[in-house]
Amino acid sequence: MTTTASPDTPDKLDDDDYPAYTMGRAAEMTGTTPGFLRALGEHRLITPLRSSGGHRRYSRYQLRIAMRARDLVGQGTPIEAACRIIILEDQLEEALRLNEQLRRDGNGPEPAAGA
């Protein structure tokens, strides 16, 4: 039997932020352990949603972040530093995006010469 999403309900499996994956499945997909994923939560890099039963549920977006942390830790970066690096990268990306939007809207500074 095939079902389709109603026009009013987006297909949750296409939603990067939908918490579709259990702890075990998330660990398997990212090539990590449940303990590693819990550590990322303790360092406030990712905060999984909780099911009604209290189980952690992860989104695809969170899995991508976990894999970035896994790669940094695999290169010898301590987990605390890896989490901080990823947070700072995310903040920089957001600041650059906002700056570009302000420039387009005519409310921000012009790019520096040579930039």
PDB file of N, CA and C in Angstrom:
ATOM      1  N   MET A   1       0.839  -1.182   0.000  1.00  0.00           N
ATOM      2  CA  MET A   1       0.000   0.000   0.000  1.00  0.00           C
ATOM      3  C   MET A   1       0.882   1.243   0.000  1.00  0.00           C
ATOM      4  N   THR A   2       0.632   2.160  -0.880  1.00  0.00           N
ATOM      5  CA  THR A   2       1.392   3.391  -0.991  1.00  0.00           C
ATOM      6  C   THR A   2       0.543   4.540  -0.474  1.00  0.00           C
ATOM      7  N   THR A   3       1.165   5.377   0.363  1.00  0.00           N
ATOM      8  CA  THR A   3       0.469   6.567   0.849  1.00  0.00           C
ATOM      9  C   THR A   3       1.251   7.790   0.427  1.00  0.00           C
ATOM     10  N   THR A   4       0.558   8.893   0.283  1.00  0.00           N
ATOM     11  CA  THR A   4       1.205  10.152  -0.055  1.00  0.00           C
ATOM     12  C   THR A   4       0.803  11.184   0.977  1.00  0.00           C
ATOM     13  N   ALA A   5       1.660  12.171   1.132  1.00  0.00           N
ATOM     14  CA  ALA A   5       1.364  13.247   2.072  1.00  0.00           C
ATOM     15  C   ALA A   5       0.246  14.110   1.501  1.00  0.00           C
ATOM     16  N   SER A   6      -0.592  14.617   2.386  1.00  0.00           N
ATOM     17  CA  SER A   6      -1.645  15.513   1.926  1.00  0.00           C
ATOM     18  C   SER A   6      -1.012  16.832   1.504  1.00  0.00           C
ATOM     19  N   PRO A   7      -1.699  17.620   0.685  1.00  0.00           N
ATOM     20  CA  PRO A   7      -1.135  18.893   0.236  1.00  0.00           C
ATOM     21  C   PRO A   7      -0.804  19.830   1.398  1.00  0.00           C
ATOM     22  N   ASP A   8      -1.520  19.701   2.529  1.00  0.00           N
ATOM     23  CA  ASP A   8      -1.285  20.583   3.661  1.00  0.00           C
ATOM     24  C   ASP A   8      -0.141  20.105   4.555  1.00  0.00           C
ATOM     25  N   THR A   9       0.280  18.854   4.401  1.00  0.00           N
ATOM     26  CA  THR A   9       1.308  18.287   5.260  1.00  0.00           C
ATOM     27  C   THR A   9       2.558  17.991   4.440  1.00  0.00           C
ATOM     28  N   PRO A  10       3.679  18.669   4.745  1.00  0.00           N
ATOM     29  CA  PRO A  10       4.895  18.391   3.986  1.00  0.00           C
ATOM     30  C   PRO A  10       5.379  16.975   4.285  1.00  0.00           C
ATOM     31  N   ASP A  11       6.049  16.379   3.344  1.00  0.00           N
ATOM     32  CA  ASP A  11       6.595  15.047   3.534  1.00  0.00           C
ATOM     33  C   ASP A  11       7.727  15.151   4.549  1.00  0.00           C
ATOM     34  N   LYS A  12       7.532  14.585   5.722  1.00  0.00           N
ATOM     35  CA  LYS A  12       8.492  14.722   6.815  1.00  0.00           C
ATOM     36  C   LYS A  12       9.844  14.111   6.478  1.00  0.00           C
ATOM     37  N   LEU A  13       9.864  13.103   5.635  1.00  0.00           N
ATOM     38  CA  LEU A  13      11.136  12.483   5.293  1.00  0.00           C
ATOM     39  C   LEU A  13      12.001  13.386   4.424  1.00  0.00           C
ATOM     40  N   ASP A  14      11.412  14.379   3.800  1.00  0.00           N
ATOM     41  CA  ASP A  14      12.172  15.356   3.014  1.00  0.00           C
ATOM     42  C   ASP A  14      12.631  16.531   3.864  1.00  0.00           C
ATOM     43  N   ASP A  15      12.190  16.598   5.113  1.00  0.00           N
ATOM     44  CA  ASP A  15      12.507  17.697   6.010  1.00  0.00           C
ATOM     45  C   ASP A  15      13.813  17.405   6.740  1.00  0.00           C
ATOM     46  N   ASP A  16      14.848  18.215   6.483  1.00  0.00           N
ATOM     47  CA  ASP A  16      16.164  18.039   7.113  1.00  0.00           C
ATOM     48  C   ASP A  16      16.117  18.162   8.633  1.00  0.00           C
ATOM     49  N   ASP A  17      15.118  18.853   9.155  1.00  0.00           N
ATOM     50  CA  ASP A  17      15.033  19.089  10.597  1.00  0.00           C
ATOM     51  C   ASP A  17      14.102  18.121  11.318  1.00  0.00           C
ATOM     52  N   TYR A  18      13.457  17.223  10.583  1.00  0.00           N
ATOM     53  CA  TYR A  18      12.538  16.275  11.209  1.00  0.00           C
ATOM     54  C   TYR A  18      13.333  15.212  11.962  1.00  0.00           C
ATOM     55  N   PRO A  19      13.046  15.012  13.255  1.00  0.00           N
ATOM     56  CA  PRO A  19      13.810  14.049  14.063  1.00  0.00           C
ATOM     57  C   PRO A  19      13.392  12.603  13.787  1.00  0.00           C
ATOM     58  N   ALA A  20      13.909  12.053  12.711  1.00  0.00           N
ATOM     59  CA  ALA A  20      13.461  10.749  12.233  1.00  0.00           C
ATOM     60  C   ALA A  20      14.276   9.569  12.743  1.00  0.00           C
ATOM     61  N   TYR A  21      15.457   9.819  13.314  1.00  0.00           N
ATOM     62  CA  TYR A  21      16.373   8.722  13.594  1.00  0.00           C
ATOM     63  C   TYR A  21      16.586   8.506  15.086  1.00  0.00           C
ATOM     64  N   THR A  22      16.508   7.247  15.490  1.00  0.00           N
ATOM     65  CA  THR A  22      16.767   6.880  16.876  1.00  0.00           C
ATOM     66  C   THR A  22      18.263   6.984  17.154  1.00  0.00           C
ATOM     67  N   MET A  23      18.625   6.934  18.413  1.00  0.00           N
ATOM     68  CA  MET A  23      20.033   6.992  18.811  1.00  0.00           C
ATOM     69  C   MET A  23      20.844   5.899  18.116  1.00  0.00           C
ATOM     70  N   GLY A  24      20.352   4.667  18.154  1.00  0.00           N
ATOM     71  CA  GLY A  24      21.087   3.570  17.541  1.00  0.00           C
ATOM     72  C   GLY A  24      21.263   3.736  16.053  1.00  0.00           C
ATOM     73  N   ARG A  25      20.198   4.132  15.377  1.00  0.00           N
ATOM     74  CA  ARG A  25      20.266   4.337  13.923  1.00  0.00           C
ATOM     75  C   ARG A  25      21.163   5.520  13.597  1.00  0.00           C
ATOM     76  N   ALA A  26      21.091   6.585  14.378  1.00  0.00           N
ATOM     77  CA  ALA A  26      21.938   7.763  14.158  1.00  0.00           C
ATOM     78  C   ALA A  26      23.413   7.394  14.322  1.00  0.00           C
ATOM     79  N   ALA A  27      23.733   6.624  15.354  1.00  0.00           N
ATOM     80  CA  ALA A  27      25.115   6.198  15.573  1.00  0.00           C
ATOM     81  C   ALA A  27      25.594   5.349  14.401  1.00  0.00           C
ATOM     82  N   GLU A  28      24.745   4.444  13.937  1.00  0.00           N
ATOM     83  CA  GLU A  28      25.101   3.588  12.800  1.00  0.00           C
ATOM     84  C   GLU A  28      25.335   4.417  11.542  1.00  0.00           C
ATOM     85  N   MET A  29      24.450   5.363  11.274  1.00  0.00           N
ATOM     86  CA  MET A  29      24.553   6.175  10.063  1.00  0.00           C
ATOM     87  C   MET A  29      25.771   7.086  10.078  1.00  0.00           C
ATOM     88  N   THR A  30      26.169   7.560  11.244  1.00  0.00           N
ATOM     89  CA  THR A  30      27.301   8.487  11.344  1.00  0.00           C
ATOM     90  C   THR A  30      28.628   7.776  11.590  1.00  0.00           C
ATOM     91  N   GLY A  31      28.574   6.479  11.818  1.00  0.00           N
ATOM     92  CA  GLY A  31      29.807   5.748  12.088  1.00  0.00           C
ATOM     93  C   GLY A  31      30.392   6.093  13.444  1.00  0.00           C
ATOM     94  N   THR A  32      29.511   6.403  14.398  1.00  0.00           N
ATOM     95  CA  THR A  32      29.950   6.763  15.750  1.00  0.00           C
ATOM     96  C   THR A  32      29.276   5.817  16.742  1.00  0.00           C
ATOM     97  N   THR A  33      29.378   6.162  17.999  1.00  0.00           N
ATOM     98  CA  THR A  33      28.721   5.388  19.048  1.00  0.00           C
ATOM     99  C   THR A  33      27.643   6.237  19.702  1.00  0.00           C
ATOM    100  N   PRO A  34      26.696   5.612  20.384  1.00  0.00           N
ATOM    101  CA  PRO A  34      25.717   6.398  21.132  1.00  0.00           C
ATOM    102  C   PRO A  34      26.388   7.324  22.152  1.00  0.00           C
ATOM    103  N   GLY A  35      27.471   6.865  22.754  1.00  0.00           N
ATOM    104  CA  GLY A  35      28.190   7.709  23.711  1.00  0.00           C
ATOM    105  C   GLY A  35      28.751   8.968  23.069  1.00  0.00           C
ATOM    106  N   PHE A  36      29.237   8.856  21.836  1.00  0.00           N
ATOM    107  CA  PHE A  36      29.747  10.028  21.115  1.00  0.00           C
ATOM    108  C   PHE A  36      28.613  11.015  20.870  1.00  0.00           C
ATOM    109  N   LEU A  37      27.454  10.511  20.450  1.00  0.00           N
ATOM    110  CA  LEU A  37      26.310  11.399  20.216  1.00  0.00           C
ATOM    111  C   LEU A  37      25.850  12.059  21.507  1.00  0.00           C
ATOM    112  N   ARG A  38      25.857  11.322  22.602  1.00  0.00           N
ATOM    113  CA  ARG A  38      25.503  11.925  23.899  1.00  0.00           C
ATOM    114  C   ARG A  38      26.499  13.020  24.271  1.00  0.00           C
ATOM    115  N   ALA A  39      27.787  12.775  23.999  1.00  0.00           N
ATOM    116  CA  ALA A  39      28.816  13.778  24.301  1.00  0.00           C
ATOM    117  C   ALA A  39      28.596  15.056  23.497  1.00  0.00           C
ATOM    118  N   LEU A  40      28.174  14.918  22.250  1.00  0.00           N
ATOM    119  CA  LEU A  40      27.884  16.113  21.440  1.00  0.00           C
ATOM    120  C   LEU A  40      26.739  16.906  22.056  1.00  0.00           C
ATOM    121  N   GLY A  41      25.782  16.204  22.624  1.00  0.00           N
ATOM    122  CA  GLY A  41      24.688  16.875  23.319  1.00  0.00           C
ATOM    123  C   GLY A  41      25.166  17.554  24.592  1.00  0.00           C
ATOM    124  N   GLU A  42      26.054  16.896  25.332  1.00  0.00           N
ATOM    125  CA  GLU A  42      26.594  17.481  26.567  1.00  0.00           C
ATOM    126  C   GLU A  42      27.376  18.758  26.276  1.00  0.00           C
ATOM    127  N   HIS A  43      28.021  18.809  25.107  1.00  0.00           N
ATOM    128  CA  HIS A  43      28.785  19.999  24.716  1.00  0.00           C
ATOM    129  C   HIS A  43      27.929  20.995  23.937  1.00  0.00           C
ATOM    130  N   ARG A  44      26.632  20.733  23.893  1.00  0.00           N
ATOM    131  CA  ARG A  44      25.634  21.609  23.270  1.00  0.00           C
ATOM    132  C   ARG A  44      25.862  21.852  21.781  1.00  0.00           C
ATOM    133  N   LEU A  45      26.462  20.859  21.121  1.00  0.00           N
ATOM    134  CA  LEU A  45      26.609  20.979  19.673  1.00  0.00           C
ATOM    135  C   LEU A  45      25.302  20.612  18.985  1.00  0.00           C
ATOM    136  N   ILE A  46      24.689  19.534  19.415  1.00  0.00           N
ATOM    137  CA  ILE A  46      23.379  19.147  18.897  1.00  0.00           C
ATOM    138  C   ILE A  46      22.475  18.806  20.075  1.00  0.00           C
ATOM    139  N   THR A  47      21.221  19.131  19.944  1.00  0.00           N
ATOM    140  CA  THR A  47      20.239  18.824  20.975  1.00  0.00           C
ATOM    141  C   THR A  47      19.121  18.024  20.325  1.00  0.00           C
ATOM    142  N   PRO A  48      19.174  16.700  20.481  1.00  0.00           N
ATOM    143  CA  PRO A  48      18.134  15.888  19.854  1.00  0.00           C
ATOM    144  C   PRO A  48      16.779  16.130  20.509  1.00  0.00           C
ATOM    145  N   LEU A  49      15.735  15.976  19.720  1.00  0.00           N
ATOM    146  CA  LEU A  49      14.399  16.019  20.292  1.00  0.00           C
ATOM    147  C   LEU A  49      14.168  14.721  21.047  1.00  0.00           C
ATOM    148  N   ARG A  50      13.183  14.717  21.900  1.00  0.00           N
ATOM    149  CA  ARG A  50      12.851  13.517  22.660  1.00  0.00           C
ATOM    150  C   ARG A  50      11.485  13.006  22.226  1.00  0.00           C
ATOM    151  N   SER A  51      11.397  11.696  22.085  1.00  0.00           N
ATOM    152  CA  SER A  51      10.109  11.078  21.768  1.00  0.00           C
ATOM    153  C   SER A  51       9.232  11.151  23.010  1.00  0.00           C
ATOM    154  N   SER A  52       7.977  10.792  22.873  1.00  0.00           N
ATOM    155  CA  SER A  52       7.079  10.807  24.030  1.00  0.00           C
ATOM    156  C   SER A  52       7.576   9.864  25.120  1.00  0.00           C
ATOM    157  N   GLY A  53       8.347   8.857  24.746  1.00  0.00           N
ATOM    158  CA  GLY A  53       8.921   7.929  25.715  1.00  0.00           C
ATOM    159  C   GLY A  53      10.260   8.386  26.269  1.00  0.00           C
ATOM    160  N   GLY A  54      10.739   9.564  25.833  1.00  0.00           N
ATOM    161  CA  GLY A  54      11.991  10.114  26.351  1.00  0.00           C
ATOM    162  C   GLY A  54      13.236   9.712  25.573  1.00  0.00           C
ATOM    163  N   HIS A  55      13.058   9.015  24.456  1.00  0.00           N
ATOM    164  CA  HIS A  55      14.208   8.580  23.662  1.00  0.00           C
ATOM    165  C   HIS A  55      14.689   9.699  22.748  1.00  0.00           C
ATOM    166  N   ARG A  56      15.998   9.788  22.568  1.00  0.00           N
ATOM    167  CA  ARG A  56      16.570  10.807  21.681  1.00  0.00           C
ATOM    168  C   ARG A  56      16.231  10.482  20.231  1.00  0.00           C
ATOM    169  N   ARG A  57      15.898  11.545  19.481  1.00  0.00           N
ATOM    170  CA  ARG A  57      15.607  11.433  18.051  1.00  0.00           C
ATOM    171  C   ARG A  57      16.410  12.508  17.324  1.00  0.00           C
ATOM    172  N   TYR A  58      17.086  12.114  16.239  1.00  0.00           N
ATOM    173  CA  TYR A  58      17.993  13.002  15.515  1.00  0.00           C
ATOM    174  C   TYR A  58      17.473  13.283  14.110  1.00  0.00           C
ATOM    175  N   SER A  59      17.764  14.487  13.632  1.00  0.00           N
ATOM    176  CA  SER A  59      17.405  14.880  12.265  1.00  0.00           C
ATOM    177  C   SER A  59      18.609  14.656  11.344  1.00  0.00           C
ATOM    178  N   ARG A  60      18.354  14.712  10.049  1.00  0.00           N
ATOM    179  CA  ARG A  60      19.459  14.592   9.081  1.00  0.00           C
ATOM    180  C   ARG A  60      20.454  15.735   9.248  1.00  0.00           C
ATOM    181  N   TYR A  61      19.958  16.920   9.537  1.00  0.00           N
ATOM    182  CA  TYR A  61      20.846  18.062   9.762  1.00  0.00           C
ATOM    183  C   TYR A  61      21.776  17.779  10.943  1.00  0.00           C
ATOM    184  N   GLN A  62      21.230  17.260  12.028  1.00  0.00           N
ATOM    185  CA  GLN A  62      22.047  16.935  13.198  1.00  0.00           C
ATOM    186  C   GLN A  62      23.046  15.830  12.885  1.00  0.00           C
ATOM    187  N   LEU A  63      22.680  14.884  12.043  1.00  0.00           N
ATOM    188  CA  LEU A  63      23.607  13.820  11.667  1.00  0.00           C
ATOM    189  C   LEU A  63      24.779  14.372  10.873  1.00  0.00           C
ATOM    190  N   ARG A  64      24.531  15.355  10.018  1.00  0.00           N
ATOM    191  CA  ARG A  64      25.632  15.979   9.268  1.00  0.00           C
ATOM    192  C   ARG A  64      26.588  16.687  10.219  1.00  0.00           C
ATOM    193  N   ILE A  65      26.049  17.368  11.226  1.00  0.00           N
ATOM    194  CA  ILE A  65      26.894  18.031  12.217  1.00  0.00           C
ATOM    195  C   ILE A  65      27.705  16.994  12.992  1.00  0.00           C
ATOM    196  N   ALA A  66      27.064  15.906  13.369  1.00  0.00           N
ATOM    197  CA  ALA A  66      27.763  14.841  14.106  1.00  0.00           C
ATOM    198  C   ALA A  66      28.896  14.259  13.270  1.00  0.00           C
ATOM    199  N   MET A  67      28.683  14.106  11.969  1.00  0.00           N
ATOM    200  CA  MET A  67      29.739  13.561  11.109  1.00  0.00           C
ATOM    201  C   MET A  67      30.901  14.551  10.983  1.00  0.00           C
ATOM    202  N   ARG A  68      30.594  15.844  10.964  1.00  0.00           N
ATOM    203  CA  ARG A  68      31.669  16.852  10.933  1.00  0.00           C
ATOM    204  C   ARG A  68      32.484  16.765  12.226  1.00  0.00           C
ATOM    205  N   ALA A  69      31.813  16.618  13.361  1.00  0.00           N
ATOM    206  CA  ALA A  69      32.520  16.476  14.639  1.00  0.00           C
ATOM    207  C   ALA A  69      33.344  15.193  14.643  1.00  0.00           C
ATOM    208  N   ARG A  70      32.766  14.109  14.138  1.00  0.00           N
ATOM    209  CA  ARG A  70      33.483  12.836  14.059  1.00  0.00           C
ATOM    210  C   ARG A  70      34.768  12.986  13.251  1.00  0.00           C
ATOM    211  N   ASP A  71      34.696  13.701  12.129  1.00  0.00           N
ATOM    212  CA  ASP A  71      35.874  13.900  11.290  1.00  0.00           C
ATOM    213  C   ASP A  71      36.947  14.693  12.023  1.00  0.00           C
ATOM    214  N   LEU A  72      36.547  15.764  12.709  1.00  0.00           N
ATOM    215  CA  LEU A  72      37.515  16.575  13.457  1.00  0.00           C
ATOM    216  C   LEU A  72      38.161  15.765  14.578  1.00  0.00           C
ATOM    217  N   VAL A  73      37.355  15.023  15.315  1.00  0.00           N
ATOM    218  CA  VAL A  73      37.886  14.198  16.404  1.00  0.00           C
ATOM    219  C   VAL A  73      38.793  13.112  15.826  1.00  0.00           C
ATOM    220  N   GLY A  74      38.428  12.568  14.682  1.00  0.00           N
ATOM    221  CA  GLY A  74      39.251  11.561  14.023  1.00  0.00           C
ATOM    222  C   GLY A  74      40.608  12.097  13.586  1.00  0.00           C
ATOM    223  N   GLN A  75      40.697  13.406  13.380  1.00  0.00           N
ATOM    224  CA  GLN A  75      41.957  14.053  13.003  1.00  0.00           C
ATOM    225  C   GLN A  75      42.766  14.460  14.225  1.00  0.00           C
ATOM    226  N   GLY A  76      42.256  14.121  15.419  1.00  0.00           N
ATOM    227  CA  GLY A  76      43.006  14.399  16.637  1.00  0.00           C
ATOM    228  C   GLY A  76      42.539  15.606  17.424  1.00  0.00           C
ATOM    229  N   THR A  77      41.478  16.252  17.001  1.00  0.00           N
ATOM    230  CA  THR A  77      40.945  17.403  17.721  1.00  0.00           C
ATOM    231  C   THR A  77      40.146  16.908  18.919  1.00  0.00           C
ATOM    232  N   PRO A  78      40.403  17.453  20.115  1.00  0.00           N
ATOM    233  CA  PRO A  78      39.579  17.055  21.269  1.00  0.00           C
ATOM    234  C   PRO A  78      38.102  17.381  21.008  1.00  0.00           C
ATOM    235  N   ILE A  79      37.219  16.576  21.558  1.00  0.00           N
ATOM    236  CA  ILE A  79      35.789  16.743  21.274  1.00  0.00           C
ATOM    237  C   ILE A  79      35.292  18.128  21.677  1.00  0.00           C
ATOM    238  N   GLU A  80      35.786  18.666  22.786  1.00  0.00           N
ATOM    239  CA  GLU A  80      35.354  20.007  23.219  1.00  0.00           C
ATOM    240  C   GLU A  80      35.729  21.046  22.170  1.00  0.00           C
ATOM    241  N   ALA A  81      36.958  20.942  21.643  1.00  0.00           N
ATOM    242  CA  ALA A  81      37.422  21.887  20.628  1.00  0.00           C
ATOM    243  C   ALA A  81      36.664  21.693  19.322  1.00  0.00           C
ATOM    244  N   ALA A  82      36.397  20.438  18.955  1.00  0.00           N
ATOM    245  CA  ALA A  82      35.650  20.163  17.725  1.00  0.00           C
ATOM    246  C   ALA A  82      34.265  20.801  17.784  1.00  0.00           C
ATOM    247  N   CYS A  83      33.609  20.662  18.919  1.00  0.00           N
ATOM    248  CA  CYS A  83      32.275  21.262  19.076  1.00  0.00           C
ATOM    249  C   CYS A  83      32.353  22.777  18.963  1.00  0.00           C
ATOM    250  N   ARG A  84      33.346  23.372  19.601  1.00  0.00           N
ATOM    251  CA  ARG A  84      33.496  24.833  19.551  1.00  0.00           C
ATOM    252  C   ARG A  84      33.800  25.306  18.132  1.00  0.00           C
ATOM    253  N   ILE A  85      34.655  24.581  17.416  1.00  0.00           N
ATOM    254  CA  ILE A  85      34.983  24.931  16.035  1.00  0.00           C
ATOM    255  C   ILE A  85      33.722  24.932  15.174  1.00  0.00           C
ATOM    256  N   ILE A  86      32.921  23.900  15.305  1.00  0.00           N
ATOM    257  CA  ILE A  86      31.709  23.783  14.481  1.00  0.00           C
ATOM    258  C   ILE A  86      30.719  24.886  14.829  1.00  0.00           C
ATOM    259  N   ILE A  87      30.577  25.199  16.107  1.00  0.00           N
ATOM    260  CA  ILE A  87      29.686  26.289  16.522  1.00  0.00           C
ATOM    261  C   ILE A  87      30.157  27.614  15.937  1.00  0.00           C
ATOM    262  N   LEU A  88      31.460  27.874  16.008  1.00  0.00           N
ATOM    263  CA  LEU A  88      32.002  29.125  15.469  1.00  0.00           C
ATOM    264  C   LEU A  88      31.866  29.184  13.945  1.00  0.00           C
ATOM    265  N   GLU A  89      32.083  28.059  13.271  1.00  0.00           N
ATOM    266  CA  GLU A  89      31.885  28.025  11.816  1.00  0.00           C
ATOM    267  C   GLU A  89      30.441  28.360  11.464  1.00  0.00           C
ATOM    268  N   ASP A  90      29.509  27.816  12.216  1.00  0.00           N
ATOM    269  CA  ASP A  90      28.095  28.067  11.973  1.00  0.00           C
ATOM    270  C   ASP A  90      27.751  29.538  12.208  1.00  0.00           C
ATOM    271  N   GLN A  91      28.306  30.119  13.276  1.00  0.00           N
ATOM    272  CA  GLN A  91      28.057  31.533  13.561  1.00  0.00           C
ATOM    273  C   GLN A  91      28.641  32.427  12.474  1.00  0.00           C
ATOM    274  N   LEU A  92      29.835  32.079  11.992  1.00  0.00           N
ATOM    275  CA  LEU A  92      30.457  32.860  10.925  1.00  0.00           C
ATOM    276  C   LEU A  92      29.624  32.780   9.649  1.00  0.00           C
ATOM    277  N   GLU A  93      29.185  31.583   9.307  1.00  0.00           N
ATOM    278  CA  GLU A  93      28.358  31.413   8.109  1.00  0.00           C
ATOM    279  C   GLU A  93      27.091  32.252   8.196  1.00  0.00           C
ATOM    280  N   GLU A  94      26.452  32.256   9.354  1.00  0.00           N
ATOM    281  CA  GLU A  94      25.230  33.050   9.540  1.00  0.00           C
ATOM    282  C   GLU A  94      25.531  34.542   9.443  1.00  0.00           C
ATOM    283  N   ALA A  95      26.633  34.995  10.028  1.00  0.00           N
ATOM    284  CA  ALA A  95      27.000  36.411   9.969  1.00  0.00           C
ATOM    285  C   ALA A  95      27.283  36.834   8.528  1.00  0.00           C
ATOM    286  N   LEU A  96      27.977  35.991   7.781  1.00  0.00           N
ATOM    287  CA  LEU A  96      28.260  36.301   6.379  1.00  0.00           C
ATOM    288  C   LEU A  96      26.980  36.352   5.560  1.00  0.00           C
ATOM    289  N   ARG A  97      26.056  35.420   5.851  1.00  0.00           N
ATOM    290  CA  ARG A  97      24.781  35.408   5.136  1.00  0.00           C
ATOM    291  C   ARG A  97      23.994  36.685   5.418  1.00  0.00           C
ATOM    292  N   LEU A  98      23.939  37.079   6.685  1.00  0.00           N
ATOM    293  CA  LEU A  98      23.218  38.300   7.050  1.00  0.00           C
ATOM    294  C   LEU A  98      23.874  39.535   6.442  1.00  0.00           C
ATOM    295  N   ASN A  99      25.197  39.583   6.439  1.00  0.00           N
ATOM    296  CA  ASN A  99      25.925  40.709   5.864  1.00  0.00           C
ATOM    297  C   ASN A  99      25.620  40.839   4.374  1.00  0.00           C
ATOM    298  N   GLU A 100      25.618  39.712   3.677  1.00  0.00           N
ATOM    299  CA  GLU A 100      25.315  39.721   2.247  1.00  0.00           C
ATOM    300  C   GLU A 100      23.877  40.171   2.006  1.00  0.00           C
ATOM    301  N   GLN A 101      22.960  39.722   2.837  1.00  0.00           N
ATOM    302  CA  GLN A 101      21.565  40.133   2.697  1.00  0.00           C
ATOM    303  C   GLN A 101      21.422  41.640   2.921  1.00  0.00           C
ATOM    304  N   LEU A 102      22.098  42.171   3.917  1.00  0.00           N
ATOM    305  CA  LEU A 102      22.049  43.617   4.170  1.00  0.00           C
ATOM    306  C   LEU A 102      22.634  44.390   2.994  1.00  0.00           C
ATOM    307  N   ARG A 103      23.716  43.883   2.434  1.00  0.00           N
ATOM    308  CA  ARG A 103      24.316  44.534   1.265  1.00  0.00           C
ATOM    309  C   ARG A 103      23.332  44.575   0.097  1.00  0.00           C
ATOM    310  N   ARG A 104      22.671  43.445  -0.147  1.00  0.00           N
ATOM    311  CA  ARG A 104      21.699  43.381  -1.250  1.00  0.00           C
ATOM    312  C   ARG A 104      20.543  44.341  -1.011  1.00  0.00           C
ATOM    313  N   ASP A 105      20.129  44.480   0.248  1.00  0.00           N
ATOM    314  CA  ASP A 105      19.014  45.362   0.586  1.00  0.00           C
ATOM    315  C   ASP A 105      19.432  46.829   0.649  1.00  0.00           C
ATOM    316  N   GLY A 106      20.740  47.094   0.520  1.00  0.00           N
ATOM    317  CA  GLY A 106      21.239  48.466   0.564  1.00  0.00           C
ATOM    318  C   GLY A 106      21.384  49.021   1.967  1.00  0.00           C
ATOM    319  N   ASN A 107      21.386  48.161   2.978  1.00  0.00           N
ATOM    320  CA  ASN A 107      21.477  48.631   4.367  1.00  0.00           C
ATOM    321  C   ASN A 107      22.806  48.303   5.026  1.00  0.00           C
ATOM    322  N   GLY A 108      23.723  47.732   4.293  1.00  0.00           N
ATOM    323  CA  GLY A 108      24.971  47.310   4.927  1.00  0.00           C
ATOM    324  C   GLY A 108      26.160  47.974   4.286  1.00  0.00           C
ATOM    325  N   PRO A 109      27.337  47.720   4.840  1.00  0.00           N
ATOM    326  CA  PRO A 109      28.562  48.319   4.294  1.00  0.00           C
ATOM    327  C   PRO A 109      28.904  47.696   2.949  1.00  0.00           C
ATOM    328  N   GLU A 110      29.573  48.462   2.136  1.00  0.00           N
ATOM    329  CA  GLU A 110      30.047  47.958   0.851  1.00  0.00           C
ATOM    330  C   GLU A 110      31.240  47.044   1.119  1.00  0.00           C
ATOM    331  N   PRO A 111      31.435  46.046   0.273  1.00  0.00           N
ATOM    332  CA  PRO A 111      32.594  45.166   0.466  1.00  0.00           C
ATOM    333  C   PRO A 111      33.889  45.952   0.388  1.00  0.00           C
ATOM    334  N   ALA A 112      34.879  45.540   1.141  1.00  0.00           N
ATOM    335  CA  ALA A 112      36.178  46.200   1.140  1.00  0.00           C
ATOM    336  C   ALA A 112      36.822  46.034  -0.222  1.00  0.00           C
ATOM    337  N   ALA A 113      37.656  47.000  -0.610  1.00  0.00           N
ATOM    338  CA  ALA A 113      38.354  46.930  -1.898  1.00  0.00           C
ATOM    339  C   ALA A 113      39.221  45.686  -1.926  1.00  0.00           C
ATOM    340  N   GLY A 114      39.156  44.969  -3.027  1.00  0.00           N
ATOM    341  CA  GLY A 114      39.953  43.754  -3.184  1.00  0.00           C
ATOM    342  C   GLY A 114      39.285  42.528  -2.617  1.00  0.00           C
ATOM    343  N   ALA A 115      38.098  42.677  -2.012  1.00  0.00           N
ATOM    344  CA  ALA A 115      37.410  41.520  -1.422  1.00  0.00           C
ATOM    345  C   ALA A 115      36.517  40.857  -2.427  1.00  0.00           C
TER     346      ALA A 115
END
